[in-house]
Amino acid sequence: MVDVTELKCGGAVVGCAFDHRIADAYYANLFIVSWAEMAQSKPLSVIPSFRRSLLNPRRPGSYHPSLDEMYVPISALPPPKAPQPGADHLISRLYYVSAEQLSLLQTLASSGGIRKRTKLESFSTFLWKMVAKSAVMENANKKICKMGIVVDGRGRLSSGDEDKTALMATYFGNVLSIPFGEKIIDDLKEQPLSWVADAVHDYLERAVTKEHFLGLIDWVEAHRPEPALAKIYCSDSSDGPAFVVSSG
């Protein structure tokens, strides 16, 4: 959906909304870039790929049982509760994090470990701790806090094949996975950043492989045509906070 607001000064504001069932945020960004190039009469730098065979399931299909813990058919969910007025108040905020602060977070997240944690892992770890600290709940020693991280599968499915790499880089569709972890709120508050970073790395590591995305394709095929949902979005109101980090 596109909404255009014309301003009195002669300018215009363009707003766009995208449905994830059609395309993910990665390609939504490419669409906006292409639109801007067309508006300036420039040649398109990206030609979309609509080759659905790139995501064909395997025969026979096979997937790891962990995918059943990450995704769930919508029919398996309980009926949604009636929304309460004011219960879903949205707040939009922008924060500036300097390169020095990010480097410090990365150092703290990597302390005591064999491998250095990535900047995404380190900053996501910091967010997880901050969300847990902000949770004011009874039984925080039992309640859990969940964090998911969006992973793009385009590069993972290419596997060094130059032709497939080029096609996947411009693939129009949804090629995302959302692995997530869950920890006791009090543990996230009390444990050092490096401990939480290890947890982030462990659940993220399993979802950044070609096999994970091939298995996800087979999982979707096995449940077709039933629509499904990432479990991170299915937290019950009695649970602790749950959120998703998206980078890019």
Foldseek 3Di string as FASTA:
>chain_A
DWDWDADPVGDIDIDDDDDQQFFDPLLVVLVVVQVVCVVVVHDRPADAFAPPVLLDADVVHDADPVVCVFKDFPVPADDDDDDDPPPDDDDDDDDDDDPVNLVVLQCQQCPPHPDGFDSVLSVQLVVQLVLLVPWDDPPLQPFKEKEKEKDACLVQSCVPPVVSNSNSSRYGHNRIGIFMDMDRSVCSNPPTSNVSSVRSCVRVVVCRHNNNSSNVSSVPVVPPPGDMDTCLVVDDPPHTYGYYDYDD
